[in-house]
């Protein structure tokens, strides 16, 4: 089921989400692999989850770990890329072996700053509805850089952004199981359906 733009699902922490999102056509899944971050998974858990899915890019999320630590964890888990939640210097970025996605601050000031050239993509989580001036800034950034926007689990808003901006893709949060093997996918399903190519 092709979508209007590629889809990245963040913070996968259970097999139900991993298999559902891969089966519904998500292109990329992230796992939080930095112990300092909420939702952290150890490398053993990530490798077990990854063993059940195919056809998606696996991305590790990191914050303050060193390039050496990121490289070791990435190699151990067989990651395709990493997502850094905080900026790094060009020198630090050059030391990270996998391709890098970089999360941007969700404010107009952050969008006005020159972006580094080495990341393969930039992730920006939107706080809510987009003001016209922010939309104009997003238009400029996405015209020059591979931008992945997170509109929250709002199907209509997601479809509007996917059709009005030249995005690299859209970003959505995963969730938690009610209990092992039991998960409500209604919100994610609505987003996937809203973004299907008709």
C-alpha atoms as a PDB file:
ATOM      1  CA  UNK A   1       0.000   0.000   0.000  1.00  0.00           C
ATOM      2  CA  UNK A   2       1.944   3.017  -1.257  1.00  0.00           C
ATOM      3  CA  UNK A   3       1.680   6.312   0.599  1.00  0.00           C
ATOM      4  CA  UNK A   4       1.915   9.936  -0.527  1.00  0.00           C
ATOM      5  CA  UNK A   5       5.305  10.235   1.169  1.00  0.00           C
ATOM      6  CA  UNK A   6       7.601   7.800   3.008  1.00  0.00           C
ATOM      7  CA  UNK A   7       6.689   7.196   6.658  1.00  0.00           C
ATOM      8  CA  UNK A   8       8.955   6.956   9.705  1.00  0.00           C
ATOM      9  CA  UNK A   9       7.607   5.568  12.978  1.00  0.00           C
ATOM     10  CA  UNK A  10       9.510   6.598  16.103  1.00  0.00           C
ATOM     11  CA  UNK A  11      10.141   4.814  19.367  1.00  0.00           C
ATOM     12  CA  UNK A  12       9.193   1.232  18.528  1.00  0.00           C
ATOM     13  CA  UNK A  13       9.321  -0.721  21.807  1.00  0.00           C
ATOM     14  CA  UNK A  14       7.251  -3.838  21.205  1.00  0.00           C
ATOM     15  CA  UNK A  15       6.736  -6.546  18.616  1.00  0.00           C
ATOM     16  CA  UNK A  16       3.103  -5.600  17.960  1.00  0.00           C
ATOM     17  CA  UNK A  17       4.097  -2.118  16.778  1.00  0.00           C
ATOM     18  CA  UNK A  18       7.122  -3.342  14.826  1.00  0.00           C
ATOM     19  CA  UNK A  19       5.144  -5.904  12.831  1.00  0.00           C
ATOM     20  CA  UNK A  20       2.057  -3.718  12.365  1.00  0.00           C
ATOM     21  CA  UNK A  21       3.987  -0.693  11.099  1.00  0.00           C
ATOM     22  CA  UNK A  22       6.185  -2.755   8.787  1.00  0.00           C
ATOM     23  CA  UNK A  23       3.106  -4.536   7.440  1.00  0.00           C
ATOM     24  CA  UNK A  24       1.222  -1.271   6.870  1.00  0.00           C
ATOM     25  CA  UNK A  25       3.988   0.108   4.684  1.00  0.00           C
ATOM     26  CA  UNK A  26       6.140   2.204   7.020  1.00  0.00           C
ATOM     27  CA  UNK A  27       9.541   2.823   5.458  1.00  0.00           C
ATOM     28  CA  UNK A  28      11.613   3.432   8.602  1.00  0.00           C
ATOM     29  CA  UNK A  29      11.345   2.429  12.271  1.00  0.00           C
ATOM     30  CA  UNK A  30      13.330   3.951  15.121  1.00  0.00           C
ATOM     31  CA  UNK A  31      14.398   2.382  18.392  1.00  0.00           C
ATOM     32  CA  UNK A  32      15.608   4.451  21.367  1.00  0.00           C
ATOM     33  CA  UNK A  33      19.078   3.088  22.105  1.00  0.00           C
ATOM     34  CA  UNK A  34      20.399   5.812  24.412  1.00  0.00           C
ATOM     35  CA  UNK A  35      20.014   4.829  28.098  1.00  0.00           C
ATOM     36  CA  UNK A  36      19.467   8.485  29.049  1.00  0.00           C
ATOM     37  CA  UNK A  37      16.278   8.737  26.972  1.00  0.00           C
ATOM     38  CA  UNK A  38      12.722   7.662  27.870  1.00  0.00           C
ATOM     39  CA  UNK A  39      11.662   4.481  26.100  1.00  0.00           C
ATOM     40  CA  UNK A  40      15.206   3.072  26.054  1.00  0.00           C
ATOM     41  CA  UNK A  41      15.635  -0.479  24.717  1.00  0.00           C
ATOM     42  CA  UNK A  42      18.787  -2.530  25.151  1.00  0.00           C
ATOM     43  CA  UNK A  43      20.562  -3.936  22.115  1.00  0.00           C
ATOM     44  CA  UNK A  44      19.330  -7.473  22.775  1.00  0.00           C
ATOM     45  CA  UNK A  45      15.676  -6.337  22.650  1.00  0.00           C
ATOM     46  CA  UNK A  46      16.228  -4.332  19.464  1.00  0.00           C
ATOM     47  CA  UNK A  47      17.894  -7.275  17.735  1.00  0.00           C
ATOM     48  CA  UNK A  48      15.015  -9.562  18.757  1.00  0.00           C
ATOM     49  CA  UNK A  49      12.426  -7.114  17.368  1.00  0.00           C
ATOM     50  CA  UNK A  50      14.418  -6.564  14.178  1.00  0.00           C
ATOM     51  CA  UNK A  51      14.506 -10.324  13.611  1.00  0.00           C
ATOM     52  CA  UNK A  52      10.720 -10.338  13.135  1.00  0.00           C
ATOM     53  CA  UNK A  53      10.480  -7.637  10.479  1.00  0.00           C
ATOM     54  CA  UNK A  54      11.813  -7.062   6.980  1.00  0.00           C
ATOM     55  CA  UNK A  55      11.728  -4.395   4.299  1.00  0.00           C
ATOM     56  CA  UNK A  56      12.117  -1.392   6.599  1.00  0.00           C
ATOM     57  CA  UNK A  57      15.078   0.790   7.488  1.00  0.00           C
ATOM     58  CA  UNK A  58      16.141   0.412  11.138  1.00  0.00           C
ATOM     59  CA  UNK A  59      17.248   3.591  12.886  1.00  0.00           C
ATOM     60  CA  UNK A  60      18.659   4.078  16.389  1.00  0.00           C
ATOM     61  CA  UNK A  61      17.830   7.231  18.353  1.00  0.00           C
ATOM     62  CA  UNK A  62      20.601   8.798  20.422  1.00  0.00           C
ATOM     63  CA  UNK A  63      21.173  11.932  22.461  1.00  0.00           C
ATOM     64  CA  UNK A  64      24.462  12.438  24.317  1.00  0.00           C
ATOM     65  CA  UNK A  65      26.385   9.220  23.655  1.00  0.00           C
ATOM     66  CA  UNK A  66      29.778   9.623  22.015  1.00  0.00           C
ATOM     67  CA  UNK A  67      30.382   8.820  18.358  1.00  0.00           C
ATOM     68  CA  UNK A  68      32.368   5.759  19.436  1.00  0.00           C
ATOM     69  CA  UNK A  69      29.443   4.460  21.553  1.00  0.00           C
ATOM     70  CA  UNK A  70      26.932   5.178  18.784  1.00  0.00           C
ATOM     71  CA  UNK A  71      29.078   3.342  16.234  1.00  0.00           C
ATOM     72  CA  UNK A  72      29.446   0.298  18.498  1.00  0.00           C
ATOM     73  CA  UNK A  73      25.716   0.046  19.231  1.00  0.00           C
ATOM     74  CA  UNK A  74      24.828   0.634  15.580  1.00  0.00           C
ATOM     75  CA  UNK A  75      27.129  -2.153  14.437  1.00  0.00           C
ATOM     76  CA  UNK A  76      25.832  -4.516  17.124  1.00  0.00           C
ATOM     77  CA  UNK A  77      22.199  -3.917  16.118  1.00  0.00           C
ATOM     78  CA  UNK A  78      22.811  -3.762  12.355  1.00  0.00           C
ATOM     79  CA  UNK A  79      21.269  -0.291  12.099  1.00  0.00           C
ATOM     80  CA  UNK A  80      20.807   1.380   8.732  1.00  0.00           C
ATOM     81  CA  UNK A  81      21.067   4.901  10.193  1.00  0.00           C
ATOM     82  CA  UNK A  82      20.929   6.921  13.401  1.00  0.00           C
ATOM     83  CA  UNK A  83      18.733   9.813  14.543  1.00  0.00           C
ATOM     84  CA  UNK A  84      20.471  12.347  16.779  1.00  0.00           C
ATOM     85  CA  UNK A  85      18.220  14.353  19.054  1.00  0.00           C
ATOM     86  CA  UNK A  86      20.764  17.091  19.742  1.00  0.00           C
ATOM     87  CA  UNK A  87      23.074  18.990  17.396  1.00  0.00           C
ATOM     88  CA  UNK A  88      26.705  17.919  16.946  1.00  0.00           C
ATOM     89  CA  UNK A  89      29.684  19.699  15.510  1.00  0.00           C
ATOM     90  CA  UNK A  90      30.740  18.843  11.961  1.00  0.00           C
ATOM     91  CA  UNK A  91      33.734  17.012  13.438  1.00  0.00           C
ATOM     92  CA  UNK A  92      31.489  14.859  15.650  1.00  0.00           C
ATOM     93  CA  UNK A  93      29.121  14.133  12.768  1.00  0.00           C
ATOM     94  CA  UNK A  94      32.075  13.000  10.651  1.00  0.00           C
ATOM     95  CA  UNK A  95      33.014  10.430  13.317  1.00  0.00           C
ATOM     96  CA  UNK A  96      29.612   8.723  13.246  1.00  0.00           C
ATOM     97  CA  UNK A  97      29.761   5.770  10.874  1.00  0.00           C
ATOM     98  CA  UNK A  98      26.076   5.224   9.925  1.00  0.00           C
ATOM     99  CA  UNK A  99      24.124   7.837   7.952  1.00  0.00           C
ATOM    100  CA  UNK A 100      22.716  10.511  10.286  1.00  0.00           C
ATOM    101  CA  UNK A 101      19.279  12.067  10.649  1.00  0.00           C
ATOM    102  CA  UNK A 102      19.251  15.151  12.862  1.00  0.00           C
ATOM    103  CA  UNK A 103      16.291  16.366  14.910  1.00  0.00           C
ATOM    104  CA  UNK A 104      15.611  20.097  14.691  1.00  0.00           C
ATOM    105  CA  UNK A 105      14.143  22.380  17.341  1.00  0.00           C
ATOM    106  CA  UNK A 106      10.486  23.099  16.661  1.00  0.00           C
ATOM    107  CA  UNK A 107      10.703  26.876  16.503  1.00  0.00           C
ATOM    108  CA  UNK A 108      11.058  29.432  13.764  1.00  0.00           C
ATOM    109  CA  UNK A 109      14.464  30.536  15.090  1.00  0.00           C
ATOM    110  CA  UNK A 110      15.821  27.021  14.714  1.00  0.00           C
ATOM    111  CA  UNK A 111      14.502  26.841  11.159  1.00  0.00           C
ATOM    112  CA  UNK A 112      16.285  30.063  10.263  1.00  0.00           C
ATOM    113  CA  UNK A 113      19.726  28.699  11.196  1.00  0.00           C
ATOM    114  CA  UNK A 114      21.995  27.225   8.504  1.00  0.00           C
ATOM    115  CA  UNK A 115      21.776  23.439   8.606  1.00  0.00           C
ATOM    116  CA  UNK A 116      24.785  21.118   8.485  1.00  0.00           C
ATOM    117  CA  UNK A 117      25.325  19.410   5.155  1.00  0.00           C
ATOM    118  CA  UNK A 118      26.305  15.904   6.277  1.00  0.00           C
ATOM    119  CA  UNK A 119      22.965  14.584   7.658  1.00  0.00           C
ATOM    120  CA  UNK A 120      20.846  12.641   5.166  1.00  0.00           C
ATOM    121  CA  UNK A 121      17.668  14.061   6.672  1.00  0.00           C
ATOM    122  CA  UNK A 122      16.220  16.404   9.278  1.00  0.00           C
ATOM    123  CA  UNK A 123      13.356  15.514  11.630  1.00  0.00           C
ATOM    124  CA  UNK A 124      11.049  18.163  13.037  1.00  0.00           C
ATOM    125  CA  UNK A 125       8.190  17.365  15.413  1.00  0.00           C
ATOM    126  CA  UNK A 126       5.420  19.961  15.208  1.00  0.00           C
ATOM    127  CA  UNK A 127       3.771  21.066  18.444  1.00  0.00           C
ATOM    128  CA  UNK A 128       0.312  21.559  16.931  1.00  0.00           C
ATOM    129  CA  UNK A 129      -1.276  23.471  14.112  1.00  0.00           C
ATOM    130  CA  UNK A 130       1.167  25.288  11.859  1.00  0.00           C
ATOM    131  CA  UNK A 131       1.086  29.090  11.742  1.00  0.00           C
ATOM    132  CA  UNK A 132       1.393  30.651   8.250  1.00  0.00           C
ATOM    133  CA  UNK A 133       4.867  32.040   9.001  1.00  0.00           C
ATOM    134  CA  UNK A 134       6.044  28.610  10.205  1.00  0.00           C
ATOM    135  CA  UNK A 135       4.584  26.996   7.097  1.00  0.00           C
ATOM    136  CA  UNK A 136       6.528  29.473   4.953  1.00  0.00           C
ATOM    137  CA  UNK A 137       9.739  28.624   6.842  1.00  0.00           C
ATOM    138  CA  UNK A 138       9.044  24.906   6.439  1.00  0.00           C
ATOM    139  CA  UNK A 139       8.520  25.456   2.715  1.00  0.00           C
ATOM    140  CA  UNK A 140      11.954  27.055   2.433  1.00  0.00           C
ATOM    141  CA  UNK A 141      13.715  24.387   4.527  1.00  0.00           C
ATOM    142  CA  UNK A 142      12.038  21.456   2.784  1.00  0.00           C
ATOM    143  CA  UNK A 143      12.817  22.896  -0.656  1.00  0.00           C
ATOM    144  CA  UNK A 144      16.542  22.712   0.119  1.00  0.00           C
ATOM    145  CA  UNK A 145      16.841  19.839   2.623  1.00  0.00           C
ATOM    146  CA  UNK A 146      15.338  16.370   3.120  1.00  0.00           C
ATOM    147  CA  UNK A 147      12.807  17.267   5.833  1.00  0.00           C
ATOM    148  CA  UNK A 148      10.748  14.750   7.808  1.00  0.00           C
ATOM    149  CA  UNK A 149       7.816  16.353   9.666  1.00  0.00           C
ATOM    150  CA  UNK A 150       5.997  14.955  12.677  1.00  0.00           C
ATOM    151  CA  UNK A 151       2.414  16.264  12.711  1.00  0.00           C
ATOM    152  CA  UNK A 152       1.218  14.018  15.542  1.00  0.00           C
ATOM    153  CA  UNK A 153      -1.475  11.425  14.979  1.00  0.00           C
ATOM    154  CA  UNK A 154      -3.769  13.771  13.035  1.00  0.00           C
ATOM    155  CA  UNK A 155      -4.760  12.197   9.692  1.00  0.00           C
ATOM    156  CA  UNK A 156      -6.134  15.342   7.993  1.00  0.00           C
ATOM    157  CA  UNK A 157      -3.212  17.493   9.133  1.00  0.00           C
ATOM    158  CA  UNK A 158      -0.747  14.835   7.950  1.00  0.00           C
ATOM    159  CA  UNK A 159      -2.375  14.619   4.516  1.00  0.00           C
ATOM    160  CA  UNK A 160      -2.385  18.426   4.160  1.00  0.00           C
ATOM    161  CA  UNK A 161       1.331  18.636   4.951  1.00  0.00           C
ATOM    162  CA  UNK A 162       2.154  15.722   2.637  1.00  0.00           C
ATOM    163  CA  UNK A 163       0.385  17.416  -0.277  1.00  0.00           C
ATOM    164  CA  UNK A 164       1.466  21.021   0.358  1.00  0.00           C
ATOM    165  CA  UNK A 165       5.182  20.703   1.164  1.00  0.00           C
ATOM    166  CA  UNK A 166       8.053  18.982  -0.687  1.00  0.00           C
ATOM    167  CA  UNK A 167       8.758  16.640   2.238  1.00  0.00           C
ATOM    168  CA  UNK A 168      11.138  13.717   2.431  1.00  0.00           C
ATOM    169  CA  UNK A 169       8.507  12.063   4.616  1.00  0.00           C
ATOM    170  CA  UNK A 170       6.278  12.188   7.684  1.00  0.00           C
ATOM    171  CA  UNK A 171       7.075  11.033  11.217  1.00  0.00           C
ATOM    172  CA  UNK A 172       4.659   9.445  13.677  1.00  0.00           C
ATOM    173  CA  UNK A 173       5.013   8.148  17.231  1.00  0.00           C
ATOM    174  CA  UNK A 174       4.543   4.498  18.037  1.00  0.00           C
ATOM    175  CA  UNK A 175       2.774   3.518  21.242  1.00  0.00           C
ATOM    176  CA  UNK A 176       2.709   1.053  24.087  1.00  0.00           C
ATOM    177  CA  UNK A 177       0.982  -2.270  24.361  1.00  0.00           C
ATOM    178  CA  UNK A 178      -1.956  -2.491  26.767  1.00  0.00           C
ATOM    179  CA  UNK A 179      -0.411  -5.805  27.748  1.00  0.00           C
ATOM    180  CA  UNK A 180       1.951  -8.106  25.832  1.00  0.00           C
ATOM    181  CA  UNK A 181       0.441  -8.762  22.404  1.00  0.00           C
ATOM    182  CA  UNK A 182      -2.496  -6.359  22.901  1.00  0.00           C
ATOM    183  CA  UNK A 183      -2.350  -2.923  21.259  1.00  0.00           C
ATOM    184  CA  UNK A 184      -4.912  -0.411  19.992  1.00  0.00           C
ATOM    185  CA  UNK A 185      -3.881   0.704  16.486  1.00  0.00           C
ATOM    186  CA  UNK A 186      -6.895   2.908  15.676  1.00  0.00           C
ATOM    187  CA  UNK A 187      -4.941   6.202  15.560  1.00  0.00           C
ATOM    188  CA  UNK A 188      -2.036   4.808  13.556  1.00  0.00           C
ATOM    189  CA  UNK A 189      -4.433   3.049  11.201  1.00  0.00           C
ATOM    190  CA  UNK A 190      -6.283   6.311  10.532  1.00  0.00           C
ATOM    191  CA  UNK A 191      -2.987   8.028   9.654  1.00  0.00           C
ATOM    192  CA  UNK A 192      -1.846   5.215   7.369  1.00  0.00           C
ATOM    193  CA  UNK A 193      -5.214   5.234   5.568  1.00  0.00           C
ATOM    194  CA  UNK A 194      -5.271   9.031   5.190  1.00  0.00           C
ATOM    195  CA  UNK A 195      -1.880   8.928   3.470  1.00  0.00           C
ATOM    196  CA  UNK A 196      -2.607   6.095   1.057  1.00  0.00           C
ATOM    197  CA  UNK A 197      -2.370   6.986  -2.614  1.00  0.00           C
ATOM    198  CA  UNK A 198      -5.906   6.833  -4.004  1.00  0.00           C
END
